[in-house]
Amino acid sequence: MPTPRAGQRATNRAPRTPRVYQRTIARLTRMAVDEGYGADRTRRTLHFLLHTHRGLNSPADYVDPKNVPEFEGDVAWFEVEKIERGGDHRWPWWRAVRQVEPPADA
């Protein structure tokens, strides 16, 4: 026979917001490819490279296009956050929060 609290332990908890490990200002560079020819030619963004004040952090520092707000051009400055893993991510990942003006020393 189950204990009186068994139902309480089995209830789902409300999802919580992911923890932010790091927040910084960084330059994002769009990596894109042109697909098709002539009038059917389209441009697709593969990912964004993440550059901070130390340069490119590592070859693996990139931001998925679904985690970056739309902007004009191929290079822009953003406030970015490194978020804890969770959901379909197996490691901490970067997301762009908002576009900002470049730093004075950039």
N, C-alpha and C. Protein backbone atom coordinates (compact mmCIF):
# COMPACT_ATOMS: atom_id res chain seq x y z
N MET A 1 0.84 -1.18 0.00
CA MET A 1 0.00 0.00 0.00
C MET A 1 0.88 1.25 0.00
N PRO A 2 0.62 2.21 -0.90
CA PRO A 2 1.46 3.41 -0.95
C PRO A 2 1.26 4.29 0.28
N THR A 3 2.29 5.02 0.61
CA THR A 3 2.21 5.93 1.75
C THR A 3 1.34 7.13 1.40
N PRO A 4 0.85 7.88 2.40
CA PRO A 4 0.00 9.04 2.12
C PRO A 4 0.71 10.13 1.29
N ARG A 5 2.02 10.20 1.37
CA ARG A 5 2.75 11.25 0.64
C ARG A 5 3.23 10.79 -0.72
N ALA A 6 2.94 9.56 -1.11
CA ALA A 6 3.43 9.04 -2.39
C ALA A 6 2.93 9.89 -3.56
N GLY A 7 1.69 10.35 -3.51
CA GLY A 7 1.15 11.19 -4.57
C GLY A 7 1.84 12.54 -4.64
N GLN A 8 2.23 13.09 -3.52
CA GLN A 8 2.93 14.37 -3.50
C GLN A 8 4.31 14.26 -4.14
N ARG A 9 4.99 13.17 -3.89
CA ARG A 9 6.33 12.99 -4.45
C ARG A 9 6.29 12.79 -5.97
N ALA A 10 5.21 12.24 -6.47
CA ALA A 10 5.12 11.93 -7.89
C ALA A 10 4.66 13.12 -8.73
N THR A 11 4.24 14.22 -8.12
CA THR A 11 3.75 15.35 -8.91
C THR A 11 4.91 16.04 -9.62
N ASN A 12 4.61 16.55 -10.81
CA ASN A 12 5.62 17.28 -11.58
C ASN A 12 5.81 18.68 -11.01
N ARG A 13 7.03 19.13 -11.04
CA ARG A 13 7.33 20.47 -10.57
C ARG A 13 7.29 21.43 -11.75
N ALA A 14 7.04 22.67 -11.45
CA ALA A 14 7.02 23.70 -12.49
C ALA A 14 8.44 23.89 -13.02
N PRO A 15 8.59 24.04 -14.33
CA PRO A 15 9.94 24.25 -14.87
C PRO A 15 10.52 25.57 -14.37
N ARG A 16 11.79 25.54 -14.06
CA ARG A 16 12.44 26.76 -13.57
C ARG A 16 13.29 27.35 -14.69
N THR A 17 13.60 28.61 -14.54
CA THR A 17 14.43 29.26 -15.54
C THR A 17 15.87 28.77 -15.39
N PRO A 18 16.61 28.61 -16.49
CA PRO A 18 17.98 28.11 -16.39
C PRO A 18 18.90 29.11 -15.70
N ARG A 19 19.86 28.59 -14.99
CA ARG A 19 20.84 29.41 -14.26
C ARG A 19 21.83 30.04 -15.23
N VAL A 20 22.17 31.30 -15.01
CA VAL A 20 23.13 32.02 -15.84
C VAL A 20 24.50 31.91 -15.18
N TYR A 21 25.47 31.30 -15.90
CA TYR A 21 26.82 31.14 -15.37
C TYR A 21 27.68 32.37 -15.61
N GLN A 22 27.50 32.99 -16.77
CA GLN A 22 28.37 34.09 -17.15
C GLN A 22 27.59 35.05 -18.03
N ARG A 23 27.87 36.34 -17.89
CA ARG A 23 27.23 37.37 -18.72
C ARG A 23 28.32 38.33 -19.16
N THR A 24 28.36 38.64 -20.46
CA THR A 24 29.39 39.53 -20.99
C THR A 24 28.90 40.21 -22.26
N ILE A 25 29.68 41.18 -22.73
CA ILE A 25 29.42 41.85 -24.01
C ILE A 25 30.36 41.21 -25.02
N ALA A 26 29.81 40.78 -26.16
CA ALA A 26 30.63 40.08 -27.16
C ALA A 26 30.19 40.47 -28.57
N ARG A 27 31.12 40.31 -29.48
CA ARG A 27 30.84 40.54 -30.90
C ARG A 27 30.46 39.20 -31.51
N LEU A 28 29.35 39.17 -32.22
CA LEU A 28 28.92 37.96 -32.91
C LEU A 28 29.11 38.14 -34.41
N THR A 29 29.74 37.16 -35.04
CA THR A 29 29.97 37.17 -36.47
C THR A 29 29.14 36.06 -37.10
N ARG A 30 28.33 36.44 -38.09
CA ARG A 30 27.44 35.48 -38.75
C ARG A 30 28.24 34.61 -39.72
N MET A 31 28.07 33.29 -39.62
CA MET A 31 28.62 32.34 -40.58
C MET A 31 27.44 31.82 -41.40
N ALA A 32 27.43 32.15 -42.70
CA ALA A 32 26.28 31.83 -43.54
C ALA A 32 26.74 31.22 -44.86
N VAL A 33 25.80 30.56 -45.53
CA VAL A 33 26.06 29.99 -46.85
C VAL A 33 24.97 30.46 -47.80
N ASP A 34 25.33 30.61 -49.07
CA ASP A 34 24.36 30.91 -50.12
C ASP A 34 23.95 29.61 -50.77
N GLU A 35 22.65 29.42 -50.89
CA GLU A 35 22.13 28.19 -51.49
C GLU A 35 21.32 28.54 -52.73
N GLY A 36 21.45 27.73 -53.76
CA GLY A 36 20.67 27.93 -54.98
C GLY A 36 21.39 28.86 -55.96
N TYR A 37 20.72 29.11 -57.09
CA TYR A 37 21.29 29.94 -58.15
C TYR A 37 20.24 30.91 -58.66
N GLY A 38 20.69 32.04 -59.18
CA GLY A 38 19.80 33.00 -59.82
C GLY A 38 18.74 33.54 -58.87
N ALA A 39 17.49 33.55 -59.34
CA ALA A 39 16.39 34.11 -58.54
C ALA A 39 16.07 33.25 -57.32
N ASP A 40 16.44 31.97 -57.34
CA ASP A 40 16.17 31.07 -56.21
C ASP A 40 17.27 31.11 -55.15
N ARG A 41 18.23 31.98 -55.30
CA ARG A 41 19.36 32.05 -54.36
C ARG A 41 18.89 32.57 -53.01
N THR A 42 19.22 31.85 -51.96
CA THR A 42 18.88 32.24 -50.58
C THR A 42 20.13 32.17 -49.72
N ARG A 43 20.09 32.87 -48.61
CA ARG A 43 21.21 32.86 -47.66
C ARG A 43 20.72 32.26 -46.36
N ARG A 44 21.46 31.28 -45.85
CA ARG A 44 21.08 30.59 -44.62
C ARG A 44 22.20 30.74 -43.60
N THR A 45 21.83 31.16 -42.37
CA THR A 45 22.80 31.31 -41.29
C THR A 45 23.06 29.95 -40.65
N LEU A 46 24.33 29.56 -40.58
CA LEU A 46 24.71 28.30 -39.95
C LEU A 46 24.84 28.47 -38.44
N HIS A 47 25.62 29.48 -38.02
CA HIS A 47 25.82 29.78 -36.61
C HIS A 47 26.50 31.14 -36.50
N PHE A 48 26.74 31.59 -35.28
CA PHE A 48 27.43 32.84 -35.01
C PHE A 48 28.68 32.53 -34.19
N LEU A 49 29.83 33.08 -34.59
CA LEU A 49 31.04 32.95 -33.79
C LEU A 49 31.01 33.97 -32.67
N LEU A 50 31.49 33.59 -31.51
CA LEU A 50 31.46 34.44 -30.32
C LEU A 50 32.86 34.99 -30.05
N HIS A 51 33.02 36.31 -30.16
CA HIS A 51 34.29 36.98 -29.89
C HIS A 51 34.11 37.85 -28.65
N THR A 52 34.99 37.71 -27.66
CA THR A 52 34.95 38.56 -26.47
C THR A 52 36.19 39.44 -26.48
N HIS A 53 36.45 40.14 -25.37
CA HIS A 53 37.61 41.04 -25.29
C HIS A 53 38.93 40.28 -25.41
N ARG A 54 38.92 38.95 -25.20
CA ARG A 54 40.14 38.15 -25.34
C ARG A 54 40.26 37.56 -26.74
N GLY A 55 39.37 37.94 -27.65
CA GLY A 55 39.37 37.37 -28.99
C GLY A 55 38.39 36.22 -29.06
N LEU A 56 38.60 35.32 -29.97
CA LEU A 56 37.74 34.15 -30.09
C LEU A 56 38.11 33.20 -28.95
N ASN A 57 37.15 32.90 -28.09
CA ASN A 57 37.44 32.09 -26.89
C ASN A 57 38.01 30.72 -27.25
N SER A 58 37.36 30.01 -28.11
CA SER A 58 37.84 28.71 -28.54
C SER A 58 37.08 28.35 -29.81
N PRO A 59 37.54 27.34 -30.55
CA PRO A 59 36.83 26.97 -31.77
C PRO A 59 35.38 26.54 -31.52
N ALA A 60 35.06 26.16 -30.30
CA ALA A 60 33.71 25.66 -30.01
C ALA A 60 32.77 26.76 -29.53
N ASP A 61 33.24 27.99 -29.37
CA ASP A 61 32.38 29.05 -28.88
C ASP A 61 31.56 29.63 -30.01
N TYR A 62 30.33 29.18 -30.10
CA TYR A 62 29.42 29.67 -31.12
C TYR A 62 28.03 29.79 -30.50
N VAL A 63 27.16 30.49 -31.21
CA VAL A 63 25.80 30.69 -30.74
C VAL A 63 24.86 30.19 -31.84
N ASP A 64 23.89 29.41 -31.46
CA ASP A 64 22.90 28.89 -32.40
C ASP A 64 22.04 30.04 -32.92
N PRO A 65 21.70 30.08 -34.20
CA PRO A 65 20.89 31.18 -34.74
C PRO A 65 19.54 31.36 -34.04
N LYS A 66 18.96 30.30 -33.51
CA LYS A 66 17.68 30.45 -32.82
C LYS A 66 17.81 31.17 -31.48
N ASN A 67 19.06 31.36 -31.00
CA ASN A 67 19.30 32.04 -29.73
C ASN A 67 19.83 33.46 -29.92
N VAL A 68 19.69 34.02 -31.13
CA VAL A 68 20.16 35.37 -31.43
C VAL A 68 19.01 36.16 -32.05
N PRO A 69 18.73 37.36 -31.52
CA PRO A 69 17.70 38.20 -32.14
C PRO A 69 18.13 38.63 -33.55
N GLU A 70 17.16 38.90 -34.42
CA GLU A 70 17.46 39.34 -35.78
C GLU A 70 18.20 40.67 -35.76
N PHE A 71 19.16 40.83 -36.69
CA PHE A 71 19.87 42.10 -36.84
C PHE A 71 20.37 42.21 -38.27
N GLU A 72 20.66 43.43 -38.69
CA GLU A 72 21.15 43.70 -40.03
C GLU A 72 22.66 43.47 -40.09
N GLY A 73 23.14 42.98 -41.22
CA GLY A 73 24.56 42.79 -41.42
C GLY A 73 25.06 41.46 -40.91
N ASP A 74 26.41 41.32 -40.93
CA ASP A 74 27.03 40.06 -40.52
C ASP A 74 27.74 40.14 -39.17
N VAL A 75 27.93 41.35 -38.64
CA VAL A 75 28.64 41.51 -37.37
C VAL A 75 27.86 42.49 -36.50
N ALA A 76 27.68 42.14 -35.22
CA ALA A 76 27.01 43.03 -34.27
C ALA A 76 27.48 42.69 -32.86
N TRP A 77 27.28 43.64 -31.96
CA TRP A 77 27.64 43.45 -30.55
C TRP A 77 26.38 43.13 -29.75
N PHE A 78 26.50 42.15 -28.85
CA PHE A 78 25.37 41.70 -28.04
C PHE A 78 25.80 41.48 -26.60
N GLU A 79 24.82 41.58 -25.71
CA GLU A 79 25.00 41.07 -24.35
C GLU A 79 24.66 39.59 -24.44
N VAL A 80 25.60 38.73 -24.06
CA VAL A 80 25.40 37.29 -24.16
C VAL A 80 25.48 36.65 -22.78
N GLU A 81 24.81 35.52 -22.64
CA GLU A 81 24.80 34.77 -21.38
C GLU A 81 25.16 33.33 -21.65
N LYS A 82 25.95 32.76 -20.74
CA LYS A 82 26.22 31.33 -20.77
C LYS A 82 25.24 30.69 -19.78
N ILE A 83 24.41 29.78 -20.29
CA ILE A 83 23.31 29.21 -19.55
C ILE A 83 23.61 27.76 -19.18
N GLU A 84 23.08 27.31 -18.03
CA GLU A 84 23.29 25.92 -17.63
C GLU A 84 22.64 24.97 -18.62
N ARG A 85 23.17 23.78 -18.67
CA ARG A 85 22.61 22.78 -19.58
C ARG A 85 21.23 22.36 -19.12
N GLY A 86 20.49 21.83 -20.05
CA GLY A 86 19.14 21.39 -19.75
C GLY A 86 18.35 21.24 -21.03
N GLY A 87 17.23 20.59 -20.95
CA GLY A 87 16.42 20.37 -22.14
C GLY A 87 17.17 19.52 -23.13
N ASP A 88 17.33 20.01 -24.36
CA ASP A 88 18.04 19.23 -25.37
C ASP A 88 19.53 19.58 -25.44
N HIS A 89 20.04 20.35 -24.47
CA HIS A 89 21.45 20.72 -24.43
C HIS A 89 22.19 19.84 -23.43
N ARG A 90 23.31 19.27 -23.85
CA ARG A 90 24.08 18.39 -22.96
C ARG A 90 25.23 19.12 -22.29
N TRP A 91 25.43 20.39 -22.62
CA TRP A 91 26.51 21.18 -22.05
C TRP A 91 26.02 22.62 -21.94
N PRO A 92 26.68 23.48 -21.16
CA PRO A 92 26.27 24.89 -21.09
C PRO A 92 26.34 25.52 -22.48
N TRP A 93 25.46 26.45 -22.76
CA TRP A 93 25.37 27.04 -24.09
C TRP A 93 25.20 28.55 -23.98
N TRP A 94 25.48 29.24 -25.07
CA TRP A 94 25.41 30.70 -25.13
C TRP A 94 24.10 31.13 -25.78
N ARG A 95 23.57 32.26 -25.31
CA ARG A 95 22.45 32.91 -25.98
C ARG A 95 22.66 34.42 -25.94
N ALA A 96 22.25 35.09 -27.00
CA ALA A 96 22.34 36.55 -27.07
C ALA A 96 21.06 37.13 -26.48
N VAL A 97 21.21 38.08 -25.56
CA VAL A 97 20.06 38.65 -24.87
C VAL A 97 19.54 39.87 -25.62
N ARG A 98 20.44 40.83 -25.91
CA ARG A 98 20.02 42.04 -26.59
C ARG A 98 21.22 42.67 -27.29
N GLN A 99 20.93 43.40 -28.36
CA GLN A 99 21.99 44.08 -29.10
C GLN A 99 22.39 45.34 -28.37
N VAL A 100 23.70 45.60 -28.31
CA VAL A 100 24.23 46.78 -27.61
C VAL A 100 25.20 47.51 -28.52
N GLU A 101 25.59 48.72 -28.09
CA GLU A 101 26.62 49.48 -28.80
C GLU A 101 27.98 48.87 -28.51
N PRO A 102 28.92 48.92 -29.47
CA PRO A 102 30.25 48.36 -29.22
C PRO A 102 30.96 49.11 -28.11
N PRO A 103 31.83 48.44 -27.35
CA PRO A 103 32.60 49.12 -26.31
C PRO A 103 33.51 50.19 -26.90
N ALA A 104 33.93 51.13 -26.09
CA ALA A 104 34.77 52.24 -26.56
C ALA A 104 36.12 51.75 -27.05
N ASP A 105 36.66 50.66 -26.48
CA ASP A 105 37.99 50.17 -26.87
C ASP A 105 37.93 49.14 -27.99
N ALA A 106 36.77 48.94 -28.59
CA ALA A 106 36.65 47.92 -29.67
C ALA A 106 37.12 48.45 -31.01
